Amino acid sequence: DTVDCNGQESVSNLAPVRDIYIWGCQGTRTITTSQTALNTDGRIFCNSAGGGFTVTLLPFASVRNQQLLVQKISSDANTVVVQCGTGDTFSDGTTSNNLVLQGDFALIQF
């Protein structure tokens, strides 16, 4: 049984309460060198002003039902390579994706 704001009890299956789960975005970080994605990443912003580098993704099986946005935020001519984890491929069969221009991004749904 539950109690309302007036202290009156009611049967719990008749109470106007609902469990709501709101899934938020994982963490955001900015990187400037080659790194491996973290399980807590939701967005990775890549500043390649100091030179090109690689973002290596975690194995897809270890981050199921998550999204990851990897985006190049600098306006330089350096390339950021988004590399699949060992044994994984993107849906088009490739194992990497190049981010060349400012604003280029890869949105991955694991």
PDB file of N, CA and C in Angstrom:
ATOM      1  N   ASP A   1       0.838  -1.194   0.000  1.00  0.00           N
ATOM      2  CA  ASP A   1       0.000   0.000   0.000  1.00  0.00           C
ATOM      3  C   ASP A   1       0.875   1.247   0.000  1.00  0.00           C
ATOM      4  N   THR A   2       0.343   2.327  -0.534  1.00  0.00           N
ATOM      5  CA  THR A   2       1.048   3.598  -0.560  1.00  0.00           C
ATOM      6  C   THR A   2       0.229   4.639   0.191  1.00  0.00           C
ATOM      7  N   VAL A   3       0.893   5.727   0.538  1.00  0.00           N
ATOM      8  CA  VAL A   3       0.237   6.803   1.272  1.00  0.00           C
ATOM      9  C   VAL A   3       0.275   8.059   0.414  1.00  0.00           C
ATOM     10  N   ASP A   4      -0.869   8.744   0.294  1.00  0.00           N
ATOM     11  CA  ASP A   4      -0.902   9.969  -0.501  1.00  0.00           C
ATOM     12  C   ASP A   4      -0.476  11.166   0.351  1.00  0.00           C
ATOM     13  N   CYS A   5      -0.530  12.368  -0.225  1.00  0.00           N
ATOM     14  CA  CYS A   5      -0.075  13.569   0.479  1.00  0.00           C
ATOM     15  C   CYS A   5      -0.945  13.912   1.685  1.00  0.00           C
ATOM     16  N   ASN A   6      -2.130  13.350   1.777  1.00  0.00           N
ATOM     17  CA  ASN A   6      -3.015  13.583   2.921  1.00  0.00           C
ATOM     18  C   ASN A   6      -2.889  12.480   3.976  1.00  0.00           C
ATOM     19  N   GLY A   7      -1.953  11.548   3.772  1.00  0.00           N
ATOM     20  CA  GLY A   7      -1.757  10.476   4.718  1.00  0.00           C
ATOM     21  C   GLY A   7      -2.716   9.321   4.562  1.00  0.00           C
ATOM     22  N   GLN A   8      -3.513   9.321   3.503  1.00  0.00           N
ATOM     23  CA  GLN A   8      -4.475   8.241   3.297  1.00  0.00           C
ATOM     24  C   GLN A   8      -3.835   7.124   2.489  1.00  0.00           C
ATOM     25  N   GLU A   9      -4.085   5.897   2.927  1.00  0.00           N
ATOM     26  CA  GLU A   9      -3.521   4.742   2.237  1.00  0.00           C
ATOM     27  C   GLU A   9      -4.366   4.371   1.027  1.00  0.00           C
ATOM     28  N   SER A  10      -3.683   3.836   0.026  1.00  0.00           N
ATOM     29  CA  SER A  10      -4.386   3.334  -1.150  1.00  0.00           C
ATOM     30  C   SER A  10      -3.666   2.083  -1.632  1.00  0.00           C
ATOM     31  N   VAL A  11      -4.368   1.274  -2.381  1.00  0.00           N
ATOM     32  CA  VAL A  11      -3.784   0.063  -2.928  1.00  0.00           C
ATOM     33  C   VAL A  11      -2.752   0.471  -3.977  1.00  0.00           C
ATOM     34  N   SER A  12      -1.569  -0.117  -3.905  1.00  0.00           N
ATOM     35  CA  SER A  12      -0.469   0.326  -4.761  1.00  0.00           C
ATOM     36  C   SER A  12      -0.762   0.182  -6.254  1.00  0.00           C
ATOM     37  N   ASN A  13      -1.528  -0.841  -6.652  1.00  0.00           N
ATOM     38  CA  ASN A  13      -1.806  -0.973  -8.089  1.00  0.00           C
ATOM     39  C   ASN A  13      -2.834   0.038  -8.589  1.00  0.00           C
ATOM     40  N   LEU A  14      -3.461   0.809  -7.688  1.00  0.00           N
ATOM     41  CA  LEU A  14      -4.373   1.873  -8.084  1.00  0.00           C
ATOM     42  C   LEU A  14      -3.739   3.259  -7.938  1.00  0.00           C
ATOM     43  N   ALA A  15      -2.527   3.313  -7.420  1.00  0.00           N
ATOM     44  CA  ALA A  15      -1.847   4.594  -7.202  1.00  0.00           C
ATOM     45  C   ALA A  15      -1.382   5.174  -8.542  1.00  0.00           C
ATOM     46  N   PRO A  16      -1.557   6.470  -8.731  1.00  0.00           N
ATOM     47  CA  PRO A  16      -1.161   7.106  -9.999  1.00  0.00           C
ATOM     48  C   PRO A  16       0.343   7.406 -10.044  1.00  0.00           C
ATOM     49  N   VAL A  17       1.159   6.367  -9.898  1.00  0.00           N
ATOM     50  CA  VAL A  17       2.614   6.534  -9.920  1.00  0.00           C
ATOM     51  C   VAL A  17       3.176   5.598 -10.974  1.00  0.00           C
ATOM     52  N   ARG A  18       4.167   6.067 -11.663  1.00  0.00           N
ATOM     53  CA  ARG A  18       4.775   5.280 -12.720  1.00  0.00           C
ATOM     54  C   ARG A  18       6.290   5.376 -12.603  1.00  0.00           C
ATOM     55  N   ASP A  19       6.987   4.296 -12.831  1.00  0.00           N
ATOM     56  CA  ASP A  19       8.447   4.342 -12.878  1.00  0.00           C
ATOM     57  C   ASP A  19       8.844   4.806 -14.264  1.00  0.00           C
ATOM     58  N   ILE A  20       9.679   5.816 -14.319  1.00  0.00           N
ATOM     59  CA  ILE A  20      10.144   6.345 -15.589  1.00  0.00           C
ATOM     60  C   ILE A  20      11.668   6.303 -15.581  1.00  0.00           C
ATOM     61  N   TYR A  21      12.236   5.732 -16.610  1.00  0.00           N
ATOM     62  CA  TYR A  21      13.681   5.684 -16.751  1.00  0.00           C
ATOM     63  C   TYR A  21      14.068   6.580 -17.918  1.00  0.00           C
ATOM     64  N   ILE A  22      14.879   7.564 -17.658  1.00  0.00           N
ATOM     65  CA  ILE A  22      15.345   8.470 -18.703  1.00  0.00           C
ATOM     66  C   ILE A  22      16.841   8.233 -18.860  1.00  0.00           C
ATOM     67  N   TRP A  23      17.215   7.703 -20.014  1.00  0.00           N
ATOM     68  CA  TRP A  23      18.612   7.388 -20.261  1.00  0.00           C
ATOM     69  C   TRP A  23      19.301   8.627 -20.792  1.00  0.00           C
ATOM     70  N   GLY A  24      20.343   9.048 -20.130  1.00  0.00           N
ATOM     71  CA  GLY A  24      21.069  10.243 -20.534  1.00  0.00           C
ATOM     72  C   GLY A  24      22.236   9.921 -21.444  1.00  0.00           C
ATOM     73  N   CYS A  25      22.886  10.956 -21.879  1.00  0.00           N
ATOM     74  CA  CYS A  25      24.064  10.817 -22.714  1.00  0.00           C
ATOM     75  C   CYS A  25      25.259  10.480 -21.831  1.00  0.00           C
ATOM     76  N   GLN A  26      26.138   9.699 -22.355  1.00  0.00           N
ATOM     77  CA  GLN A  26      27.370   9.401 -21.644  1.00  0.00           C
ATOM     78  C   GLN A  26      28.229  10.665 -21.619  1.00  0.00           C
ATOM     79  N   GLY A  27      29.428  10.546 -21.136  1.00  0.00           N
ATOM     80  CA  GLY A  27      30.326  11.686 -20.975  1.00  0.00           C
ATOM     81  C   GLY A  27      30.833  12.263 -22.278  1.00  0.00           C
ATOM     82  N   THR A  28      31.312  13.496 -22.186  1.00  0.00           N
ATOM     83  CA  THR A  28      31.890  14.208 -23.321  1.00  0.00           C
ATOM     84  C   THR A  28      33.322  14.560 -22.972  1.00  0.00           C
ATOM     85  N   ARG A  29      34.225  14.358 -23.925  1.00  0.00           N
ATOM     86  CA  ARG A  29      35.608  14.772 -23.699  1.00  0.00           C
ATOM     87  C   ARG A  29      36.229  15.220 -25.010  1.00  0.00           C
ATOM     88  N   THR A  30      37.270  16.035 -24.897  1.00  0.00           N
ATOM     89  CA  THR A  30      38.019  16.517 -26.053  1.00  0.00           C
ATOM     90  C   THR A  30      39.399  15.895 -25.998  1.00  0.00           C
ATOM     91  N   ILE A  31      39.851  15.353 -27.125  1.00  0.00           N
ATOM     92  CA  ILE A  31      41.170  14.727 -27.171  1.00  0.00           C
ATOM     93  C   ILE A  31      42.023  15.390 -28.241  1.00  0.00           C
ATOM     94  N   THR A  32      43.358  15.283 -28.061  1.00  0.00           N
ATOM     95  CA  THR A  32      44.298  15.890 -29.007  1.00  0.00           C
ATOM     96  C   THR A  32      45.353  14.895 -29.487  1.00  0.00           C
ATOM     97  N   THR A  33      45.288  13.651 -29.003  1.00  0.00           N
ATOM     98  CA  THR A  33      46.229  12.603 -29.395  1.00  0.00           C
ATOM     99  C   THR A  33      45.472  11.287 -29.557  1.00  0.00           C
ATOM    100  N   SER A  34      46.141  10.294 -30.107  1.00  0.00           N
ATOM    101  CA  SER A  34      45.523   8.977 -30.288  1.00  0.00           C
ATOM    102  C   SER A  34      45.067   8.423 -28.945  1.00  0.00           C
ATOM    103  N   GLN A  35      43.840   7.902 -28.928  1.00  0.00           N
ATOM    104  CA  GLN A  35      43.268   7.353 -27.706  1.00  0.00           C
ATOM    105  C   GLN A  35      42.313   6.226 -28.066  1.00  0.00           C
ATOM    106  N   THR A  36      42.051   5.392 -27.066  1.00  0.00           N
ATOM    107  CA  THR A  36      41.023   4.369 -27.189  1.00  0.00           C
ATOM    108  C   THR A  36      39.783   4.887 -26.493  1.00  0.00           C
ATOM    109  N   ALA A  37      38.627   4.686 -27.105  1.00  0.00           N
ATOM    110  CA  ALA A  37      37.364   5.139 -26.522  1.00  0.00           C
ATOM    111  C   ALA A  37      37.169   4.478 -25.157  1.00  0.00           C
ATOM    112  N   LEU A  38      36.442   5.149 -24.289  1.00  0.00           N
ATOM    113  CA  LEU A  38      36.116   4.623 -22.974  1.00  0.00           C
ATOM    114  C   LEU A  38      34.674   4.149 -22.964  1.00  0.00           C
ATOM    115  N   ASN A  39      34.351   3.232 -22.096  1.00  0.00           N
ATOM    116  CA  ASN A  39      32.983   2.743 -21.972  1.00  0.00           C
ATOM    117  C   ASN A  39      32.029   3.868 -21.571  1.00  0.00           C
ATOM    118  N   THR A  40      32.544   4.911 -20.956  1.00  0.00           N
ATOM    119  CA  THR A  40      31.712   6.028 -20.502  1.00  0.00           C
ATOM    120  C   THR A  40      31.595   7.151 -21.521  1.00  0.00           C
ATOM    121  N   ASP A  41      32.202   7.009 -22.695  1.00  0.00           N
ATOM    122  CA  ASP A  41      32.146   8.060 -23.719  1.00  0.00           C
ATOM    123  C   ASP A  41      30.790   8.095 -24.403  1.00  0.00           C
ATOM    124  N   GLY A  42      30.275   9.295 -24.599  1.00  0.00           N
ATOM    125  CA  GLY A  42      29.092   9.514 -25.408  1.00  0.00           C
ATOM    126  C   GLY A  42      29.432  10.399 -26.597  1.00  0.00           C
ATOM    127  N   ARG A  43      30.382  11.328 -26.353  1.00  0.00           N
ATOM    128  CA  ARG A  43      30.853  12.225 -27.408  1.00  0.00           C
ATOM    129  C   ARG A  43      32.351  12.411 -27.229  1.00  0.00           C
ATOM    130  N   ILE A  44      33.073  12.320 -28.325  1.00  0.00           N
ATOM    131  CA  ILE A  44      34.507  12.602 -28.316  1.00  0.00           C
ATOM    132  C   ILE A  44      34.741  13.697 -29.352  1.00  0.00           C
ATOM    133  N   PHE A  45      35.192  14.850 -28.889  1.00  0.00           N
ATOM    134  CA  PHE A  45      35.545  15.944 -29.787  1.00  0.00           C
ATOM    135  C   PHE A  45      37.046  15.862 -30.030  1.00  0.00           C
ATOM    136  N   CYS A  46      37.442  15.932 -31.302  1.00  0.00           N
ATOM    137  CA  CYS A  46      38.834  15.741 -31.691  1.00  0.00           C
ATOM    138  C   CYS A  46      39.431  17.052 -32.190  1.00  0.00           C
ATOM    139  N   ASN A  47      40.464  17.516 -31.493  1.00  0.00           N
ATOM    140  CA  ASN A  47      41.204  18.696 -31.900  1.00  0.00           C
ATOM    141  C   ASN A  47      42.537  18.215 -32.447  1.00  0.00           C
ATOM    142  N   SER A  48      42.656  18.218 -33.771  1.00  0.00           N
ATOM    143  CA  SER A  48      43.853  17.681 -34.418  1.00  0.00           C
ATOM    144  C   SER A  48      44.811  18.780 -34.864  1.00  0.00           C
ATOM    145  N   ALA A  49      44.773  19.950 -34.232  1.00  0.00           N
ATOM    146  CA  ALA A  49      45.655  21.052 -34.601  1.00  0.00           C
ATOM    147  C   ALA A  49      47.126  20.675 -34.438  1.00  0.00           C
ATOM    148  N   GLY A  50      47.427  19.772 -33.506  1.00  0.00           N
ATOM    149  CA  GLY A  50      48.805  19.351 -33.283  1.00  0.00           C
ATOM    150  C   GLY A  50      49.241  18.193 -34.163  1.00  0.00           C
ATOM    151  N   GLY A  51      48.375  17.685 -34.995  1.00  0.00           N
ATOM    152  CA  GLY A  51      48.702  16.570 -35.883  1.00  0.00           C
ATOM    153  C   GLY A  51      47.587  15.542 -35.901  1.00  0.00           C
ATOM    154  N   GLY A  52      47.566  14.751 -36.944  1.00  0.00           N
ATOM    155  CA  GLY A  52      46.540  13.725 -37.081  1.00  0.00           C
ATOM    156  C   GLY A  52      46.715  12.625 -36.046  1.00  0.00           C
ATOM    157  N   PHE A  53      45.637  11.920 -35.755  1.00  0.00           N
ATOM    158  CA  PHE A  53      45.688  10.824 -34.789  1.00  0.00           C
ATOM    159  C   PHE A  53      44.535   9.869 -35.008  1.00  0.00           C
ATOM    160  N   THR A  54      44.509   8.790 -34.220  1.00  0.00           N
ATOM    161  CA  THR A  54      43.513   7.737 -34.360  1.00  0.00           C
ATOM    162  C   THR A  54      42.704   7.591 -33.085  1.00  0.00           C
ATOM    163  N   VAL A  55      41.395   7.431 -33.256  1.00  0.00           N
ATOM    164  CA  VAL A  55      40.500   7.089 -32.151  1.00  0.00           C
ATOM    165  C   VAL A  55      40.123   5.623 -32.362  1.00  0.00           C
ATOM    166  N   THR A  56      40.537   4.767 -31.438  1.00  0.00           N
ATOM    167  CA  THR A  56      40.240   3.340 -31.543  1.00  0.00           C
ATOM    168  C   THR A  56      39.001   3.036 -30.715  1.00  0.00           C
ATOM    169  N   LEU A  57      38.014   2.418 -31.344  1.00  0.00           N
ATOM    170  CA  LEU A  57      36.762   2.087 -30.667  1.00  0.00           C
ATOM    171  C   LEU A  57      36.916   0.833 -29.828  1.00  0.00           C
ATOM    172  N   LEU A  58      36.098   0.727 -28.809  1.00  0.00           N
ATOM    173  CA  LEU A  58      36.037  -0.499 -28.014  1.00  0.00           C
ATOM    174  C   LEU A  58      35.378  -1.587 -28.848  1.00  0.00           C
ATOM    175  N   PRO A  59      35.596  -2.861 -28.509  1.00  0.00           N
ATOM    176  CA  PRO A  59      34.870  -3.920 -29.217  1.00  0.00           C
ATOM    177  C   PRO A  59      33.364  -3.683 -29.103  1.00  0.00           C
ATOM    178  N   PHE A  60      32.669  -3.814 -30.208  1.00  0.00           N
ATOM    179  CA  PHE A  60      31.239  -3.503 -30.242  1.00  0.00           C
ATOM    180  C   PHE A  60      30.455  -4.288 -29.195  1.00  0.00           C
ATOM    181  N   ALA A  61      30.851  -5.520 -28.933  1.00  0.00           N
ATOM    182  CA  ALA A  61      30.130  -6.363 -27.980  1.00  0.00           C
ATOM    183  C   ALA A  61      30.200  -5.827 -26.551  1.00  0.00           C
ATOM    184  N   SER A  62      31.199  -5.009 -26.249  1.00  0.00           N
ATOM    185  CA  SER A  62      31.341  -4.506 -24.876  1.00  0.00           C
ATOM    186  C   SER A  62      30.583  -3.202 -24.632  1.00  0.00           C
ATOM    187  N   VAL A  63      30.003  -2.620 -25.665  1.00  0.00           N
ATOM    188  CA  VAL A  63      29.252  -1.363 -25.519  1.00  0.00           C
ATOM    189  C   VAL A  63      27.915  -1.445 -26.250  1.00  0.00           C
ATOM    190  N   ARG A  64      27.228  -2.549 -26.079  1.00  0.00           N
ATOM    191  CA  ARG A  64      25.944  -2.753 -26.767  1.00  0.00           C
ATOM    192  C   ARG A  64      24.929  -1.683 -26.390  1.00  0.00           C
ATOM    193  N   ASN A  65      24.099  -1.332 -27.365  1.00  0.00           N
ATOM    194  CA  ASN A  65      22.994  -0.382 -27.180  1.00  0.00           C
ATOM    195  C   ASN A  65      23.450   0.998 -26.731  1.00  0.00           C
ATOM    196  N   GLN A  66      24.632   1.396 -27.127  1.00  0.00           N
ATOM    197  CA  GLN A  66      25.123   2.735 -26.830  1.00  0.00           C
ATOM    198  C   GLN A  66      25.401   3.461 -28.134  1.00  0.00           C
ATOM    199  N   GLN A  67      25.368   4.777 -28.063  1.00  0.00           N
ATOM    200  CA  GLN A  67      25.758   5.600 -29.201  1.00  0.00           C
ATOM    201  C   GLN A  67      27.038   6.336 -28.852  1.00  0.00           C
ATOM    202  N   LEU A  68      27.846   6.586 -29.859  1.00  0.00           N
ATOM    203  CA  LEU A  68      29.070   7.364 -29.686  1.00  0.00           C
ATOM    204  C   LEU A  68      29.195   8.316 -30.861  1.00  0.00           C
ATOM    205  N   LEU A  69      29.409   9.593 -30.550  1.00  0.00           N
ATOM    206  CA  LEU A  69      29.653  10.603 -31.574  1.00  0.00           C
ATOM    207  C   LEU A  69      31.123  10.993 -31.494  1.00  0.00           C
ATOM    208  N   VAL A  70      31.835  10.846 -32.605  1.00  0.00           N
ATOM    209  CA  VAL A  70      33.225  11.292 -32.701  1.00  0.00           C
ATOM    210  C   VAL A  70      33.236  12.387 -33.748  1.00  0.00           C
ATOM    211  N   GLN A  71      33.691  13.597 -33.355  1.00  0.00           N
ATOM    212  CA  GLN A  71      33.615  14.739 -34.269  1.00  0.00           C
ATOM    213  C   GLN A  71      34.922  15.517 -34.270  1.00  0.00           C
ATOM    214  N   LYS A  72      35.365  15.912 -35.470  1.00  0.00           N
ATOM    215  CA  LYS A  72      36.543  16.760 -35.604  1.00  0.00           C
ATOM    216  C   LYS A  72      36.096  18.205 -35.396  1.00  0.00           C
ATOM    217  N   ILE A  73      36.737  18.905 -34.446  1.00  0.00           N
ATOM    218  CA  ILE A  73      36.319  20.271 -34.131  1.00  0.00           C
ATOM    219  C   ILE A  73      37.327  21.320 -34.584  1.00  0.00           C
ATOM    220  N   SER A  74      38.492  20.905 -35.059  1.00  0.00           N
ATOM    221  CA  SER A  74      39.511  21.865 -35.481  1.00  0.00           C
ATOM    222  C   SER A  74      39.466  22.044 -36.997  1.00  0.00           C
ATOM    223  N   SER A  75      39.967  23.198 -37.454  1.00  0.00           N
ATOM    224  CA  SER A  75      39.871  23.539 -38.881  1.00  0.00           C
ATOM    225  C   SER A  75      41.150  23.247 -39.661  1.00  0.00           C
ATOM    226  N   ASP A  76      42.070  22.496 -39.099  1.00  0.00           N
ATOM    227  CA  ASP A  76      43.342  22.182 -39.752  1.00  0.00           C
ATOM    228  C   ASP A  76      43.159  21.124 -40.850  1.00  0.00           C
ATOM    229  N   ALA A  77      44.263  20.814 -41.525  1.00  0.00           N
ATOM    230  CA  ALA A  77      44.230  19.832 -42.619  1.00  0.00           C
ATOM    231  C   ALA A  77      44.572  18.418 -42.149  1.00  0.00           C
ATOM    232  N   ASN A  78      44.748  18.200 -40.854  1.00  0.00           N
ATOM    233  CA  ASN A  78      45.098  16.883 -40.328  1.00  0.00           C
ATOM    234  C   ASN A  78      43.883  15.968 -40.287  1.00  0.00           C
ATOM    235  N   THR A  79      44.123  14.677 -40.400  1.00  0.00           N
ATOM    236  CA  THR A  79      43.057  13.682 -40.434  1.00  0.00           C
ATOM    237  C   THR A  79      42.946  12.957 -39.104  1.00  0.00           C
ATOM    238  N   VAL A  80      41.709  12.760 -38.667  1.00  0.00           N
ATOM    239  CA  VAL A  80      41.419  11.932 -37.499  1.00  0.00           C
ATOM    240  C   VAL A  80      40.828  10.637 -38.028  1.00  0.00           C
ATOM    241  N   VAL A  81      41.428   9.519 -37.662  1.00  0.00           N
ATOM    242  CA  VAL A  81      40.969   8.206 -38.116  1.00  0.00           C
ATOM    243  C   VAL A  81      40.166   7.563 -36.985  1.00  0.00           C
ATOM    244  N   VAL A  82      38.940   7.155 -37.287  1.00  0.00           N
ATOM    245  CA  VAL A  82      38.114   6.416 -36.333  1.00  0.00           C
ATOM    246  C   VAL A  82      38.256   4.951 -36.710  1.00  0.00           C
ATOM    247  N   GLN A  83      38.904   4.176 -35.841  1.00  0.00           N
ATOM    248  CA  GLN A  83      39.273   2.789 -36.119  1.00  0.00           C
ATOM    249  C   GLN A  83      38.422   1.832 -35.296  1.00  0.00           C
ATOM    250  N   CYS A  84      37.875   0.798 -35.935  1.00  0.00           N
ATOM    251  CA  CYS A  84      37.123  -0.241 -35.217  1.00  0.00           C
ATOM    252  C   CYS A  84      38.046  -1.012 -34.288  1.00  0.00           C
ATOM    253  N   GLY A  85      37.442  -1.585 -33.259  1.00  0.00           N
ATOM    254  CA  GLY A  85      38.181  -2.485 -32.383  1.00  0.00           C
ATOM    255  C   GLY A  85      38.529  -3.767 -33.127  1.00  0.00           C
ATOM    256  N   THR A  86      39.385  -4.562 -32.550  1.00  0.00           N
ATOM    257  CA  THR A  86      39.853  -5.804 -33.167  1.00  0.00           C
ATOM    258  C   THR A  86      38.688  -6.722 -33.547  1.00  0.00           C
ATOM    259  N   GLY A  87      38.664  -7.121 -34.807  1.00  0.00           N
ATOM    260  CA  GLY A  87      37.659  -8.064 -35.286  1.00  0.00           C
ATOM    261  C   GLY A  87      36.327  -7.441 -35.681  1.00  0.00           C
ATOM    262  N   ASP A  88      36.143  -6.145 -35.460  1.00  0.00           N
ATOM    263  CA  ASP A  88      34.880  -5.482 -35.793  1.00  0.00           C
ATOM    264  C   ASP A  88      34.978  -4.753 -37.125  1.00  0.00           C
ATOM    265  N   THR A  89      33.837  -4.529 -37.760  1.00  0.00           N
ATOM    266  CA  THR A  89      33.760  -3.717 -38.976  1.00  0.00           C
ATOM    267  C   THR A  89      32.525  -2.831 -38.892  1.00  0.00           C
ATOM    268  N   PHE A  90      32.555  -1.749 -39.635  1.00  0.00           N
ATOM    269  CA  PHE A  90      31.369  -0.905 -39.766  1.00  0.00           C
ATOM    270  C   PHE A  90      30.378  -1.611 -40.692  1.00  0.00           C
ATOM    271  N   SER A  91      29.165  -1.091 -40.778  1.00  0.00           N
ATOM    272  CA  SER A  91      28.113  -1.751 -41.569  1.00  0.00           C
ATOM    273  C   SER A  91      28.459  -1.852 -43.055  1.00  0.00           C
ATOM    274  N   ASP A  92      29.357  -0.976 -43.539  1.00  0.00           N
ATOM    275  CA  ASP A  92      29.746  -1.053 -44.953  1.00  0.00           C
ATOM    276  C   ASP A  92      30.945  -1.965 -45.188  1.00  0.00           C
ATOM    277  N   GLY A  93      31.396  -2.667 -44.132  1.00  0.00           N
ATOM    278  CA  GLY A  93      32.494  -3.609 -44.265  1.00  0.00           C
ATOM    279  C   GLY A  93      33.877  -3.032 -44.018  1.00  0.00           C
ATOM    280  N   THR A  94      33.983  -1.717 -43.876  1.00  0.00           N
ATOM    281  CA  THR A  94      35.279  -1.087 -43.617  1.00  0.00           C
ATOM    282  C   THR A  94      35.617  -1.156 -42.133  1.00  0.00           C
ATOM    283  N   THR A  95      36.882  -0.914 -41.818  1.00  0.00           N
ATOM    284  CA  THR A  95      37.313  -0.941 -40.422  1.00  0.00           C
ATOM    285  C   THR A  95      37.732   0.428 -39.900  1.00  0.00           C
ATOM    286  N   SER A  96      37.676   1.440 -40.772  1.00  0.00           N
ATOM    287  CA  SER A  96      38.029   2.792 -40.330  1.00  0.00           C
ATOM    288  C   SER A  96      37.248   3.832 -41.114  1.00  0.00           C
ATOM    289  N   ASN A  97      37.210   5.030 -40.539  1.00  0.00           N
ATOM    290  CA  ASN A  97      36.507   6.156 -41.138  1.00  0.00           C
ATOM    291  C   ASN A  97      37.381   7.386 -40.901  1.00  0.00           C
ATOM    292  N   ASN A  98      37.604   8.199 -41.936  1.00  0.00           N
ATOM    293  CA  ASN A  98      38.453   9.375 -41.816  1.00  0.00           C
ATOM    294  C   ASN A  98      37.625  10.635 -41.636  1.00  0.00           C
ATOM    295  N   LEU A  99      37.994  11.442 -40.646  1.00  0.00           N
ATOM    296  CA  LEU A  99      37.396  12.754 -40.428  1.00  0.00           C
ATOM    297  C   LEU A  99      38.415  13.778 -40.898  1.00  0.00           C
ATOM    298  N   VAL A 100      38.104  14.486 -41.974  1.00  0.00           N
ATOM    299  CA  VAL A 100      39.075  15.359 -42.621  1.00  0.00           C
ATOM    300  C   VAL A 100      38.777  16.829 -42.371  1.00  0.00           C
ATOM    301  N   LEU A 101      37.521  17.219 -42.508  1.00  0.00           N
ATOM    302  CA  LEU A 101      37.136  18.626 -42.390  1.00  0.00           C
ATOM    303  C   LEU A 101      36.541  18.934 -41.019  1.00  0.00           C
ATOM    304  N   GLN A 102      36.637  20.192 -40.630  1.00  0.00           N
ATOM    305  CA  GLN A 102      36.014  20.609 -39.369  1.00  0.00           C
ATOM    306  C   GLN A 102      34.512  20.315 -39.438  1.00  0.00           C
ATOM    307  N   GLY A 103      33.997  19.678 -38.419  1.00  0.00           N
ATOM    308  CA  GLY A 103      32.578  19.322 -38.386  1.00  0.00           C
ATOM    309  C   GLY A 103      32.289  17.906 -38.864  1.00  0.00           C
ATOM    310  N   ASP A 104      33.258  17.265 -39.555  1.00  0.00           N
ATOM    311  CA  ASP A 104      33.055  15.864 -39.943  1.00  0.00           C
ATOM    312  C   ASP A 104      32.843  15.034 -38.686  1.00  0.00           C
ATOM    313  N   PHE A 105      31.961  14.048 -38.766  1.00  0.00           N
ATOM    314  CA  PHE A 105      31.694  13.232 -37.586  1.00  0.00           C
ATOM    315  C   PHE A 105      31.346  11.802 -37.969  1.00  0.00           C
ATOM    316  N   ALA A 106      31.480  10.936 -36.982  1.00  0.00           N
ATOM    317  CA  ALA A 106      31.039   9.548 -37.106  1.00  0.00           C
ATOM    318  C   ALA A 106      30.094   9.312 -35.932  1.00  0.00           C
ATOM    319  N   LEU A 107      28.885   8.888 -36.228  1.00  0.00           N
ATOM    320  CA  LEU A 107      27.906   8.541 -35.202  1.00  0.00           C
ATOM    321  C   LEU A 107      27.750   7.030 -35.234  1.00  0.00           C
ATOM    322  N   ILE A 108      28.175   6.386 -34.160  1.00  0.00           N
ATOM    323  CA  ILE A 108      28.196   4.931 -34.124  1.00  0.00           C
ATOM    324  C   ILE A 108      27.153   4.444 -33.138  1.00  0.00           C
ATOM    325  N   GLN A 109      26.291   3.537 -33.590  1.00  0.00           N
ATOM    326  CA  GLN A 109      25.311   2.886 -32.721  1.00  0.00           C
ATOM    327  C   GLN A 109      25.797   1.466 -32.514  1.00  0.00           C
ATOM    328  N   PHE A 110      26.191   1.138 -31.308  1.00  0.00           N
ATOM    329  CA  PHE A 110      26.728  -0.186 -31.014  1.00  0.00           C
ATOM    330  C   PHE A 110      25.599  -1.168 -30.792  1.00  0.00           C
TER     331      PHE A 110
END
